Amino acid sequence: MDIVIILVVFLALAFDFINGFHDTANAIATSVSTRALKPRVAILLAASMNFVGAMLFTGVAKTIGGSIADPATLDNGIEVVIATLLSAIIWNLVTWWFGLPSSSSHALIGALTGAVFVGAGSDKLNYGGFTDIVLALVLSPIIAFVVGYLVMQLLKVIFAKRSPHTVNKGFRTMQIFTAALQSFTHGTNDAQKAMGIITFALVTSGHLSEMEVPFWVKLAAATAMALGTSIGGWKIIKTMGTKIFKIEPINGFAADFSAASVIFSATLLHLPISTTHAITSAILGVGSAKRFSAVKWSLAGRIVVTWFITIPITAVLAGLIFKIFF
């Protein structure tokens, strides 16, 4: 395996590692904020379940690696992948620094689109595949919001006659289960994005003949994400767990369960979605069901703006990186 492929694998695993600590908050912010889990225990749980989830599925990896462009037809596919990964890594680090739960999925997809457009030409883009991915990315937060709202309303009806103290005590225990479930589903979807990019590079360089993810790629990506998760993204955890609205255990359970359901459904459909979008939208939906005015909509607005600007910014950045270095 030549030095350029080794560089690509290193960058992809670096992206996966950063994705792990950037998106750790998705799985554990609510359980930490309600003190259902101690931070260190929550992070170890998230890292372990991320690893397990990443090892069990590859459908999203194939979508990422083949739906936006056909790697077998790109003469400069390796350069495209390098520009993609550098752009996505830079954006992830910038948003992590400012504590904004932006989407690693949006960053990677936007960057890949921009790099292919500039590096290979617009005719090499698969607009149908790109549209399908973007549609999934757009619809998933809406669905997560609605599911979170409905689940919370249902729980309010079921436990209306119980004392809040008793209810929250029970759901604090249940949050351990939903934190594990959320971490597992995060691994099934997010870790596969790095797998898809590495496999894309291996196909375009001739090391593979088709978009089948090798075992070593799965193992490396799962390990990188688990290690990144073990670091933890405390700035984003603070935003997700405390700043959107005051989360109680029953709210945390509802948000995590709703988000995990949406993420795993997308994984089964081989669709890459943003775990950040799913959990944030579920929290907003749950908060709205609790009391609409309880949600800090100004912060929610900042988060949504970050979502919308991620794809164009990373696309332009990847195009610039390709132009400058290649």
C-alpha atoms as a PDB file:
ATOM      1  CA  MET A   1       0.000   0.000   0.000  1.00  0.00           C
ATOM      2  CA  ASP A   2       1.616   3.267  -1.135  1.00  0.00           C
ATOM      3  CA  ILE A   3       2.272   6.344   0.981  1.00  0.00           C
ATOM      4  CA  VAL A   4      -0.655   8.335  -0.447  1.00  0.00           C
ATOM      5  CA  ILE A   5      -3.184   5.663   0.543  1.00  0.00           C
ATOM      6  CA  ILE A   6      -1.627   5.522   4.010  1.00  0.00           C
ATOM      7  CA  LEU A   7      -2.101   9.315   4.248  1.00  0.00           C
ATOM      8  CA  VAL A   8      -5.753   8.964   3.210  1.00  0.00           C
ATOM      9  CA  VAL A   9      -6.361   6.239   5.795  1.00  0.00           C
ATOM     10  CA  PHE A  10      -4.684   8.378   8.467  1.00  0.00           C
ATOM     11  CA  LEU A  11      -6.835  11.432   7.597  1.00  0.00           C
ATOM     12  CA  ALA A  12     -10.028   9.345   7.486  1.00  0.00           C
ATOM     13  CA  LEU A  13      -9.296   7.833  10.887  1.00  0.00           C
ATOM     14  CA  ALA A  14      -8.429  11.297  12.226  1.00  0.00           C
ATOM     15  CA  PHE A  15     -11.837  12.485  10.990  1.00  0.00           C
ATOM     16  CA  ASP A  16     -13.453   9.483  12.668  1.00  0.00           C
ATOM     17  CA  PHE A  17     -11.577  10.177  15.912  1.00  0.00           C
ATOM     18  CA  ILE A  18     -12.667  13.837  15.855  1.00  0.00           C
ATOM     19  CA  ASN A  19     -16.199  12.731  14.989  1.00  0.00           C
ATOM     20  CA  GLY A  20     -16.090  10.548  18.110  1.00  0.00           C
ATOM     21  CA  PHE A  21     -15.294  13.349  20.554  1.00  0.00           C
ATOM     22  CA  HIS A  22     -17.306  15.912  18.567  1.00  0.00           C
ATOM     23  CA  ASP A  23     -20.449  13.784  18.659  1.00  0.00           C
ATOM     24  CA  THR A  24     -20.032  12.093  22.045  1.00  0.00           C
ATOM     25  CA  ALA A  25     -22.541  14.629  23.345  1.00  0.00           C
ATOM     26  CA  ASN A  26     -25.213  13.144  21.097  1.00  0.00           C
ATOM     27  CA  ALA A  27     -25.318   9.978  23.152  1.00  0.00           C
ATOM     28  CA  ILE A  28     -24.584  11.068  26.700  1.00  0.00           C
ATOM     29  CA  ALA A  29     -25.427  14.759  27.156  1.00  0.00           C
ATOM     30  CA  THR A  30     -28.903  14.159  28.563  1.00  0.00           C
ATOM     31  CA  SER A  31     -27.868  11.294  30.853  1.00  0.00           C
ATOM     32  CA  VAL A  32     -24.941  13.333  32.223  1.00  0.00           C
ATOM     33  CA  SER A  33     -27.026  16.489  32.709  1.00  0.00           C
ATOM     34  CA  THR A  34     -29.671  14.588  34.700  1.00  0.00           C
ATOM     35  CA  ARG A  35     -26.960  12.737  36.654  1.00  0.00           C
ATOM     36  CA  ALA A  36     -28.233   9.372  35.506  1.00  0.00           C
ATOM     37  CA  LEU A  37     -24.625   8.572  34.673  1.00  0.00           C
ATOM     38  CA  LYS A  38     -21.345   9.963  35.927  1.00  0.00           C
ATOM     39  CA  PRO A  39     -19.372  11.591  33.092  1.00  0.00           C
ATOM     40  CA  ARG A  40     -16.552   9.030  32.995  1.00  0.00           C
ATOM     41  CA  VAL A  41     -18.949   6.091  33.102  1.00  0.00           C
ATOM     42  CA  ALA A  42     -21.098   7.677  30.383  1.00  0.00           C
ATOM     43  CA  ILE A  43     -18.097   8.187  28.118  1.00  0.00           C
ATOM     44  CA  LEU A  44     -16.861   4.612  28.577  1.00  0.00           C
ATOM     45  CA  LEU A  45     -20.358   3.306  27.866  1.00  0.00           C
ATOM     46  CA  ALA A  46     -20.616   5.485  24.752  1.00  0.00           C
ATOM     47  CA  ALA A  47     -17.184   4.410  23.486  1.00  0.00           C
ATOM     48  CA  SER A  48     -17.957   0.718  23.944  1.00  0.00           C
ATOM     49  CA  MET A  49     -21.371   0.854  22.266  1.00  0.00           C
ATOM     50  CA  ASN A  50     -20.031   3.047  19.455  1.00  0.00           C
ATOM     51  CA  PHE A  51     -17.467   0.342  18.704  1.00  0.00           C
ATOM     52  CA  VAL A  52     -20.060  -2.445  18.697  1.00  0.00           C
ATOM     53  CA  GLY A  53     -22.424  -0.495  16.441  1.00  0.00           C
ATOM     54  CA  ALA A  54     -19.652   0.398  14.015  1.00  0.00           C
ATOM     55  CA  MET A  55     -18.603  -3.228  13.580  1.00  0.00           C
ATOM     56  CA  LEU A  56     -22.057  -4.566  12.741  1.00  0.00           C
ATOM     57  CA  PHE A  57     -23.181  -2.512   9.711  1.00  0.00           C
ATOM     58  CA  THR A  58     -21.739  -1.323   6.363  1.00  0.00           C
ATOM     59  CA  GLY A  59     -24.739  -0.154   4.322  1.00  0.00           C
ATOM     60  CA  VAL A  60     -24.200   3.542   5.081  1.00  0.00           C
ATOM     61  CA  ALA A  61     -20.507   3.210   4.160  1.00  0.00           C
ATOM     62  CA  LYS A  62     -21.468   1.988   0.694  1.00  0.00           C
ATOM     63  CA  THR A  63     -23.888   4.898   0.288  1.00  0.00           C
ATOM     64  CA  ILE A  64     -21.263   7.470   1.292  1.00  0.00           C
ATOM     65  CA  GLY A  65     -18.618   5.848  -0.907  1.00  0.00           C
ATOM     66  CA  GLY A  66     -20.666   5.450  -4.050  1.00  0.00           C
ATOM     67  CA  SER A  67     -23.749   7.672  -4.158  1.00  0.00           C
ATOM     68  CA  ILE A  68     -22.164  11.111  -4.660  1.00  0.00           C
ATOM     69  CA  ALA A  69     -19.623   9.980  -7.260  1.00  0.00           C
ATOM     70  CA  ASP A  70     -18.372   6.727  -8.770  1.00  0.00           C
ATOM     71  CA  PRO A  71     -14.832   6.275  -7.396  1.00  0.00           C
ATOM     72  CA  ALA A  72     -13.881   3.948 -10.264  1.00  0.00           C
ATOM     73  CA  THR A  73     -14.336   6.773 -12.819  1.00  0.00           C
ATOM     74  CA  LEU A  74     -12.253   9.457 -11.058  1.00  0.00           C
ATOM     75  CA  ASP A  75      -8.703   9.895 -12.359  1.00  0.00           C
ATOM     76  CA  ASN A  76      -7.731  12.082  -9.391  1.00  0.00           C
ATOM     77  CA  GLY A  77      -9.903  10.409  -6.788  1.00  0.00           C
ATOM     78  CA  ILE A  78      -7.171  10.254  -4.136  1.00  0.00           C
ATOM     79  CA  GLU A  79      -6.657  14.021  -4.295  1.00  0.00           C
ATOM     80  CA  VAL A  80     -10.433  14.488  -4.062  1.00  0.00           C
ATOM     81  CA  VAL A  81     -10.549  12.343  -0.915  1.00  0.00           C
ATOM     82  CA  ILE A  82      -7.651  14.217   0.719  1.00  0.00           C
ATOM     83  CA  ALA A  83      -9.319  17.604   0.057  1.00  0.00           C
ATOM     84  CA  THR A  84     -12.611  16.201   1.386  1.00  0.00           C
ATOM     85  CA  LEU A  85     -11.119  14.977   4.635  1.00  0.00           C
ATOM     86  CA  LEU A  86      -9.070  18.122   5.296  1.00  0.00           C
ATOM     87  CA  SER A  87     -12.152  20.311   4.804  1.00  0.00           C
ATOM     88  CA  ALA A  88     -14.365  18.156   7.046  1.00  0.00           C
ATOM     89  CA  ILE A  89     -11.705  17.947   9.775  1.00  0.00           C
ATOM     90  CA  ILE A  90     -11.163  21.728   9.789  1.00  0.00           C
ATOM     91  CA  TRP A  91     -14.904  22.432  10.058  1.00  0.00           C
ATOM     92  CA  ASN A  92     -15.395  19.850  12.816  1.00  0.00           C
ATOM     93  CA  LEU A  93     -12.585  21.387  14.866  1.00  0.00           C
ATOM     94  CA  VAL A  94     -13.896  24.949  14.373  1.00  0.00           C
ATOM     95  CA  THR A  95     -17.444  24.042  15.475  1.00  0.00           C
ATOM     96  CA  TRP A  96     -16.121  21.933  18.367  1.00  0.00           C
ATOM     97  CA  TRP A  97     -14.022  24.889  19.559  1.00  0.00           C
ATOM     98  CA  PHE A  98     -17.107  27.124  19.667  1.00  0.00           C
ATOM     99  CA  GLY A  99     -19.259  24.406  21.250  1.00  0.00           C
ATOM    100  CA  LEU A 100     -21.683  24.181  18.337  1.00  0.00           C
ATOM    101  CA  PRO A 101     -23.237  20.760  17.666  1.00  0.00           C
ATOM    102  CA  SER A 102     -22.809  20.906  13.894  1.00  0.00           C
ATOM    103  CA  SER A 103     -23.102  17.829  11.718  1.00  0.00           C
ATOM    104  CA  SER A 104     -20.032  15.735  10.890  1.00  0.00           C
ATOM    105  CA  SER A 105     -22.192  14.075   8.229  1.00  0.00           C
ATOM    106  CA  HIS A 106     -23.003  17.401   6.598  1.00  0.00           C
ATOM    107  CA  ALA A 107     -19.327  18.355   6.762  1.00  0.00           C
ATOM    108  CA  LEU A 108     -18.182  15.171   5.028  1.00  0.00           C
ATOM    109  CA  ILE A 109     -20.909  15.174   2.374  1.00  0.00           C
ATOM    110  CA  GLY A 110     -20.497  18.872   1.609  1.00  0.00           C
ATOM    111  CA  ALA A 111     -16.721  18.516   1.398  1.00  0.00           C
ATOM    112  CA  LEU A 112     -16.898  15.459  -0.887  1.00  0.00           C
ATOM    113  CA  THR A 113     -19.340  17.234  -3.187  1.00  0.00           C
ATOM    114  CA  GLY A 114     -17.148  20.350  -3.429  1.00  0.00           C
ATOM    115  CA  ALA A 115     -13.965  18.338  -3.962  1.00  0.00           C
ATOM    116  CA  VAL A 116     -15.523  16.233  -6.746  1.00  0.00           C
ATOM    117  CA  PHE A 117     -17.028  19.321  -8.400  1.00  0.00           C
ATOM    118  CA  VAL A 118     -13.705  21.200  -8.498  1.00  0.00           C
ATOM    119  CA  GLY A 119     -11.343  18.253  -8.852  1.00  0.00           C
ATOM    120  CA  ALA A 120     -13.210  16.088 -11.351  1.00  0.00           C
ATOM    121  CA  GLY A 121     -15.914  18.290 -12.865  1.00  0.00           C
ATOM    122  CA  SER A 122     -19.643  18.676 -12.395  1.00  0.00           C
ATOM    123  CA  ASP A 123     -20.356  15.791 -14.773  1.00  0.00           C
ATOM    124  CA  LYS A 124     -18.759  13.366 -12.290  1.00  0.00           C
ATOM    125  CA  LEU A 125     -21.279  14.214  -9.580  1.00  0.00           C
ATOM    126  CA  ASN A 126     -24.208  11.854  -9.135  1.00  0.00           C
ATOM    127  CA  TYR A 127     -26.906  14.455  -8.533  1.00  0.00           C
ATOM    128  CA  GLY A 128     -29.559  11.805  -7.888  1.00  0.00           C
ATOM    129  CA  GLY A 129     -27.521  10.178  -5.128  1.00  0.00           C
ATOM    130  CA  PHE A 130     -26.576  13.565  -3.669  1.00  0.00           C
ATOM    131  CA  THR A 131     -30.240  14.629  -3.627  1.00  0.00           C
ATOM    132  CA  ASP A 132     -31.288  11.417  -1.848  1.00  0.00           C
ATOM    133  CA  ILE A 133     -28.644  11.952   0.847  1.00  0.00           C
ATOM    134  CA  VAL A 134     -29.522  15.623   1.365  1.00  0.00           C
ATOM    135  CA  LEU A 135     -33.228  14.753   1.505  1.00  0.00           C
ATOM    136  CA  ALA A 136     -32.515  12.241   4.283  1.00  0.00           C
ATOM    137  CA  LEU A 137     -30.417  14.838   6.108  1.00  0.00           C
ATOM    138  CA  VAL A 138     -33.204  17.423   5.842  1.00  0.00           C
ATOM    139  CA  LEU A 139     -36.108  15.141   6.763  1.00  0.00           C
ATOM    140  CA  SER A 140     -34.441  13.324   9.678  1.00  0.00           C
ATOM    141  CA  PRO A 141     -34.398  16.295  12.095  1.00  0.00           C
ATOM    142  CA  ILE A 142     -38.036  17.060  11.279  1.00  0.00           C
ATOM    143  CA  ILE A 143     -38.992  13.447  11.951  1.00  0.00           C
ATOM    144  CA  ALA A 144     -36.912  13.400  15.154  1.00  0.00           C
ATOM    145  CA  PHE A 145     -38.623  16.587  16.366  1.00  0.00           C
ATOM    146  CA  VAL A 146     -42.082  15.128  15.735  1.00  0.00           C
ATOM    147  CA  VAL A 147     -41.207  11.761  17.296  1.00  0.00           C
ATOM    148  CA  GLY A 148     -39.683  13.460  20.354  1.00  0.00           C
ATOM    149  CA  TYR A 149     -42.782  15.636  20.759  1.00  0.00           C
ATOM    150  CA  LEU A 150     -45.177  12.672  20.441  1.00  0.00           C
ATOM    151  CA  VAL A 151     -43.176  10.382  22.753  1.00  0.00           C
ATOM    152  CA  MET A 152     -43.061  13.098  25.431  1.00  0.00           C
ATOM    153  CA  GLN A 153     -46.791  13.786  25.106  1.00  0.00           C
ATOM    154  CA  LEU A 154     -47.495  10.062  25.456  1.00  0.00           C
ATOM    155  CA  LEU A 155     -45.318   9.820  28.577  1.00  0.00           C
ATOM    156  CA  LYS A 156     -47.090  12.842  30.074  1.00  0.00           C
ATOM    157  CA  VAL A 157     -50.446  11.110  29.632  1.00  0.00           C
ATOM    158  CA  ILE A 158     -49.216   7.759  30.985  1.00  0.00           C
ATOM    159  CA  PHE A 159     -47.581   9.224  34.085  1.00  0.00           C
ATOM    160  CA  ALA A 160     -49.921  12.160  34.689  1.00  0.00           C
ATOM    161  CA  LYS A 161     -51.084  10.836  38.071  1.00  0.00           C
ATOM    162  CA  ARG A 162     -47.645   9.871  39.365  1.00  0.00           C
ATOM    163  CA  SER A 163     -45.490  12.191  41.450  1.00  0.00           C
ATOM    164  CA  PRO A 164     -42.675  13.864  39.438  1.00  0.00           C
ATOM    165  CA  HIS A 165     -40.090  12.627  41.955  1.00  0.00           C
ATOM    166  CA  THR A 166     -41.103   8.972  41.550  1.00  0.00           C
ATOM    167  CA  VAL A 167     -41.310   9.243  37.761  1.00  0.00           C
ATOM    168  CA  ASN A 168     -37.911  10.892  37.404  1.00  0.00           C
ATOM    169  CA  LYS A 169     -36.284   8.393  39.748  1.00  0.00           C
ATOM    170  CA  GLY A 170     -37.452   5.546  37.501  1.00  0.00           C
ATOM    171  CA  PHE A 171     -36.480   7.262  34.281  1.00  0.00           C
ATOM    172  CA  ARG A 172     -33.025   8.139  35.610  1.00  0.00           C
ATOM    173  CA  THR A 173     -32.358   4.387  35.619  1.00  0.00           C
ATOM    174  CA  MET A 174     -33.945   3.966  32.178  1.00  0.00           C
ATOM    175  CA  GLN A 175     -31.599   6.622  30.815  1.00  0.00           C
ATOM    176  CA  ILE A 176     -28.685   4.203  31.194  1.00  0.00           C
ATOM    177  CA  PHE A 177     -30.409   1.961  28.645  1.00  0.00           C
ATOM    178  CA  THR A 178     -31.211   4.799  26.241  1.00  0.00           C
ATOM    179  CA  ALA A 179     -27.670   6.235  26.491  1.00  0.00           C
ATOM    180  CA  ALA A 180     -26.324   2.814  25.488  1.00  0.00           C
ATOM    181  CA  LEU A 181     -28.884   2.536  22.684  1.00  0.00           C
ATOM    182  CA  GLN A 182     -28.100   6.019  21.420  1.00  0.00           C
ATOM    183  CA  SER A 183     -24.345   5.255  21.429  1.00  0.00           C
ATOM    184  CA  PHE A 184     -24.933   1.990  19.569  1.00  0.00           C
ATOM    185  CA  THR A 185     -27.001   3.647  16.846  1.00  0.00           C
ATOM    186  CA  HIS A 186     -24.426   6.449  16.584  1.00  0.00           C
ATOM    187  CA  GLY A 187     -21.814   3.805  15.792  1.00  0.00           C
ATOM    188  CA  THR A 188     -24.047   2.107  13.225  1.00  0.00           C
ATOM    189  CA  ASN A 189     -24.369   5.335  11.223  1.00  0.00           C
ATOM    190  CA  ASP A 190     -21.531   7.773  11.900  1.00  0.00           C
ATOM    191  CA  ALA A 191     -18.529   5.421  11.972  1.00  0.00           C
ATOM    192  CA  GLN A 192     -19.500   4.110   8.551  1.00  0.00           C
ATOM    193  CA  LYS A 193     -18.832   7.495   6.961  1.00  0.00           C
ATOM    194  CA  ALA A 194     -15.082   7.132   7.470  1.00  0.00           C
ATOM    195  CA  MET A 195     -15.321   3.518   6.277  1.00  0.00           C
ATOM    196  CA  GLY A 196     -17.039   4.741   3.119  1.00  0.00           C
ATOM    197  CA  ILE A 197     -14.379   7.370   2.400  1.00  0.00           C
ATOM    198  CA  ILE A 198     -11.502   4.905   2.911  1.00  0.00           C
ATOM    199  CA  THR A 199     -13.212   2.348   0.663  1.00  0.00           C
ATOM    200  CA  PHE A 200     -13.849   5.126  -1.910  1.00  0.00           C
ATOM    201  CA  ALA A 201     -10.097   5.841  -1.925  1.00  0.00           C
ATOM    202  CA  LEU A 202      -9.195   2.160  -2.209  1.00  0.00           C
ATOM    203  CA  VAL A 203     -11.489   1.739  -5.232  1.00  0.00           C
ATOM    204  CA  THR A 204     -10.322   4.899  -7.012  1.00  0.00           C
ATOM    205  CA  SER A 205      -6.670   3.885  -6.494  1.00  0.00           C
ATOM    206  CA  GLY A 206      -7.259   0.381  -7.822  1.00  0.00           C
ATOM    207  CA  HIS A 207      -6.660  -1.420  -4.520  1.00  0.00           C
ATOM    208  CA  LEU A 208     -10.296  -2.626  -4.540  1.00  0.00           C
ATOM    209  CA  SER A 209     -12.537  -3.461  -7.482  1.00  0.00           C
ATOM    210  CA  GLU A 210     -15.881  -2.715  -5.800  1.00  0.00           C
ATOM    211  CA  MET A 211     -17.439  -0.857  -2.867  1.00  0.00           C
ATOM    212  CA  GLU A 212     -17.125  -3.674  -0.334  1.00  0.00           C
ATOM    213  CA  VAL A 213     -15.738  -2.566   3.042  1.00  0.00           C
ATOM    214  CA  PRO A 214     -12.745  -4.703   4.111  1.00  0.00           C
ATOM    215  CA  PHE A 215     -12.701  -6.008   7.680  1.00  0.00           C
ATOM    216  CA  TRP A 216      -9.555  -4.047   8.573  1.00  0.00           C
ATOM    217  CA  VAL A 217     -11.297  -0.817   7.501  1.00  0.00           C
ATOM    218  CA  LYS A 218     -14.283  -1.604   9.734  1.00  0.00           C
ATOM    219  CA  LEU A 219     -12.023  -2.423  12.674  1.00  0.00           C
ATOM    220  CA  ALA A 220      -9.848   0.679  12.214  1.00  0.00           C
ATOM    221  CA  ALA A 221     -12.825   3.053  11.867  1.00  0.00           C
ATOM    222  CA  ALA A 222     -14.676   1.527  14.824  1.00  0.00           C
ATOM    223  CA  THR A 223     -11.556   1.792  16.991  1.00  0.00           C
ATOM    224  CA  ALA A 224     -10.854   5.402  15.959  1.00  0.00           C
ATOM    225  CA  MET A 225     -14.411   6.469  16.767  1.00  0.00           C
ATOM    226  CA  ALA A 226     -14.378   4.640  20.098  1.00  0.00           C
ATOM    227  CA  LEU A 227     -11.082   6.291  21.066  1.00  0.00           C
ATOM    228  CA  GLY A 228     -12.414   9.709  20.063  1.00  0.00           C
ATOM    229  CA  THR A 229     -15.558   9.095  22.066  1.00  0.00           C
ATOM    230  CA  SER A 230     -13.448   8.238  25.104  1.00  0.00           C
ATOM    231  CA  ILE A 231     -11.990  11.767  25.006  1.00  0.00           C
ATOM    232  CA  GLY A 232     -15.425  13.399  25.218  1.00  0.00           C
ATOM    233  CA  GLY A 233     -16.666  16.697  23.818  1.00  0.00           C
ATOM    234  CA  TRP A 234     -17.429  18.647  26.981  1.00  0.00           C
ATOM    235  CA  LYS A 235     -18.248  21.981  25.310  1.00  0.00           C
ATOM    236  CA  ILE A 236     -20.923  20.372  23.151  1.00  0.00           C
ATOM    237  CA  ILE A 237     -22.188  18.248  26.052  1.00  0.00           C
ATOM    238  CA  LYS A 238     -22.806  21.497  27.954  1.00  0.00           C
ATOM    239  CA  THR A 239     -24.731  22.971  25.011  1.00  0.00           C
ATOM    240  CA  MET A 240     -26.817  19.869  24.379  1.00  0.00           C
ATOM    241  CA  GLY A 241     -27.450  18.889  27.989  1.00  0.00           C
ATOM    242  CA  THR A 242     -28.096  22.190  29.713  1.00  0.00           C
ATOM    243  CA  LYS A 243     -28.556  25.140  27.387  1.00  0.00           C
ATOM    244  CA  ILE A 244     -31.506  24.149  25.172  1.00  0.00           C
ATOM    245  CA  PHE A 245     -33.879  23.627  28.106  1.00  0.00           C
ATOM    246  CA  LYS A 246     -33.726  22.185  31.626  1.00  0.00           C
ATOM    247  CA  ILE A 247     -33.776  18.438  31.060  1.00  0.00           C
ATOM    248  CA  GLU A 248     -35.246  16.041  33.614  1.00  0.00           C
ATOM    249  CA  PRO A 249     -34.778  12.243  33.423  1.00  0.00           C
ATOM    250  CA  ILE A 250     -38.136  11.620  31.728  1.00  0.00           C
ATOM    251  CA  ASN A 251     -37.233  14.239  29.093  1.00  0.00           C
ATOM    252  CA  GLY A 252     -33.783  12.739  28.582  1.00  0.00           C
ATOM    253  CA  PHE A 253     -35.265   9.273  28.132  1.00  0.00           C
ATOM    254  CA  ALA A 254     -37.795  10.543  25.605  1.00  0.00           C
ATOM    255  CA  ALA A 255     -35.168  12.469  23.610  1.00  0.00           C
ATOM    256  CA  ASP A 256     -32.625   9.631  23.515  1.00  0.00           C
ATOM    257  CA  PHE A 257     -35.204   6.981  22.654  1.00  0.00           C
ATOM    258  CA  SER A 258     -36.678   9.134  19.876  1.00  0.00           C
ATOM    259  CA  ALA A 259     -33.308  10.006  18.359  1.00  0.00           C
ATOM    260  CA  ALA A 260     -32.026   6.421  18.533  1.00  0.00           C
ATOM    261  CA  SER A 261     -35.169   5.193  16.763  1.00  0.00           C
ATOM    262  CA  VAL A 262     -34.710   7.663  13.914  1.00  0.00           C
ATOM    263  CA  ILE A 263     -30.960   6.981  13.561  1.00  0.00           C
ATOM    264  CA  PHE A 264     -31.331   3.193  13.530  1.00  0.00           C
ATOM    265  CA  SER A 265     -34.177   3.370  11.017  1.00  0.00           C
ATOM    266  CA  ALA A 266     -31.891   5.388   8.727  1.00  0.00           C
ATOM    267  CA  THR A 267     -29.080   2.850   9.194  1.00  0.00           C
ATOM    268  CA  LEU A 268     -31.391   0.005   8.157  1.00  0.00           C
ATOM    269  CA  LEU A 269     -32.295   2.024   5.040  1.00  0.00           C
ATOM    270  CA  HIS A 270     -28.548   2.619   4.335  1.00  0.00           C
ATOM    271  CA  LEU A 271     -29.053   6.370   4.664  1.00  0.00           C
ATOM    272  CA  PRO A 272     -26.388   8.601   6.247  1.00  0.00           C
ATOM    273  CA  ILE A 273     -28.058  11.090   8.563  1.00  0.00           C
ATOM    274  CA  SER A 274     -26.755  13.454  11.178  1.00  0.00           C
ATOM    275  CA  THR A 275     -26.827  12.025  14.675  1.00  0.00           C
ATOM    276  CA  THR A 276     -26.346  15.606  15.883  1.00  0.00           C
ATOM    277  CA  HIS A 277     -29.485  16.704  14.058  1.00  0.00           C
ATOM    278  CA  ALA A 278     -31.456  13.743  15.337  1.00  0.00           C
ATOM    279  CA  ILE A 279     -30.715  14.176  19.038  1.00  0.00           C
ATOM    280  CA  THR A 280     -30.888  17.988  19.001  1.00  0.00           C
ATOM    281  CA  SER A 281     -34.219  17.939  17.173  1.00  0.00           C
ATOM    282  CA  ALA A 282     -35.535  15.260  19.522  1.00  0.00           C
ATOM    283  CA  ILE A 283     -34.528  17.424  22.515  1.00  0.00           C
ATOM    284  CA  LEU A 284     -36.323  20.401  20.938  1.00  0.00           C
ATOM    285  CA  GLY A 285     -39.414  18.263  20.317  1.00  0.00           C
ATOM    286  CA  VAL A 286     -39.415  16.941  23.887  1.00  0.00           C
ATOM    287  CA  GLY A 287     -38.895  20.450  25.267  1.00  0.00           C
ATOM    288  CA  SER A 288     -41.791  21.764  23.185  1.00  0.00           C
ATOM    289  CA  ALA A 289     -44.049  19.032  24.557  1.00  0.00           C
ATOM    290  CA  LYS A 290     -43.004  19.896  28.090  1.00  0.00           C
ATOM    291  CA  ARG A 291     -43.589  23.622  27.634  1.00  0.00           C
ATOM    292  CA  PHE A 292     -42.958  25.562  24.425  1.00  0.00           C
ATOM    293  CA  SER A 293     -41.583  28.575  26.281  1.00  0.00           C
ATOM    294  CA  ALA A 294     -39.106  26.366  28.191  1.00  0.00           C
ATOM    295  CA  VAL A 295     -36.979  25.946  25.059  1.00  0.00           C
ATOM    296  CA  LYS A 296     -34.264  28.527  24.461  1.00  0.00           C
ATOM    297  CA  TRP A 297     -35.157  29.128  20.835  1.00  0.00           C
ATOM    298  CA  SER A 298     -32.378  31.670  20.287  1.00  0.00           C
ATOM    299  CA  LEU A 299     -29.773  28.961  20.911  1.00  0.00           C
ATOM    300  CA  ALA A 300     -31.787  26.530  18.811  1.00  0.00           C
ATOM    301  CA  GLY A 301     -31.696  29.122  16.021  1.00  0.00           C
ATOM    302  CA  ARG A 302     -27.891  29.337  16.199  1.00  0.00           C
ATOM    303  CA  ILE A 303     -27.665  25.555  15.971  1.00  0.00           C
ATOM    304  CA  VAL A 304     -29.992  25.432  12.961  1.00  0.00           C
ATOM    305  CA  VAL A 305     -27.976  28.147  11.191  1.00  0.00           C
ATOM    306  CA  THR A 306     -24.844  26.039  11.726  1.00  0.00           C
ATOM    307  CA  TRP A 307     -26.618  23.077  10.148  1.00  0.00           C
ATOM    308  CA  PHE A 308     -27.602  25.043   7.035  1.00  0.00           C
ATOM    309  CA  ILE A 309     -24.200  26.618   6.419  1.00  0.00           C
ATOM    310  CA  THR A 310     -22.142  23.453   6.943  1.00  0.00           C
ATOM    311  CA  ILE A 311     -22.613  21.875   3.490  1.00  0.00           C
ATOM    312  CA  PRO A 312     -21.865  25.030   1.437  1.00  0.00           C
ATOM    313  CA  ILE A 313     -18.929  26.075   3.631  1.00  0.00           C
ATOM    314  CA  THR A 314     -17.254  22.666   3.589  1.00  0.00           C
ATOM    315  CA  ALA A 315     -17.926  22.331  -0.161  1.00  0.00           C
ATOM    316  CA  VAL A 316     -16.215  25.668  -0.879  1.00  0.00           C
ATOM    317  CA  LEU A 317     -13.384  24.887   1.534  1.00  0.00           C
ATOM    318  CA  ALA A 318     -12.744  21.478  -0.058  1.00  0.00           C
ATOM    319  CA  GLY A 319     -12.738  23.081  -3.514  1.00  0.00           C
ATOM    320  CA  LEU A 320     -10.220  25.699  -2.365  1.00  0.00           C
ATOM    321  CA  ILE A 321      -7.979  23.064  -0.761  1.00  0.00           C
ATOM    322  CA  PHE A 322      -8.010  21.059  -4.002  1.00  0.00           C
ATOM    323  CA  LYS A 323      -7.157  24.141  -6.080  1.00  0.00           C
ATOM    324  CA  ILE A 324      -4.342  25.235  -3.752  1.00  0.00           C
ATOM    325  CA  PHE A 325      -2.641  21.891  -3.194  1.00  0.00           C
ATOM    326  CA  PHE A 326      -3.437  19.906  -6.336  1.00  0.00           C
END
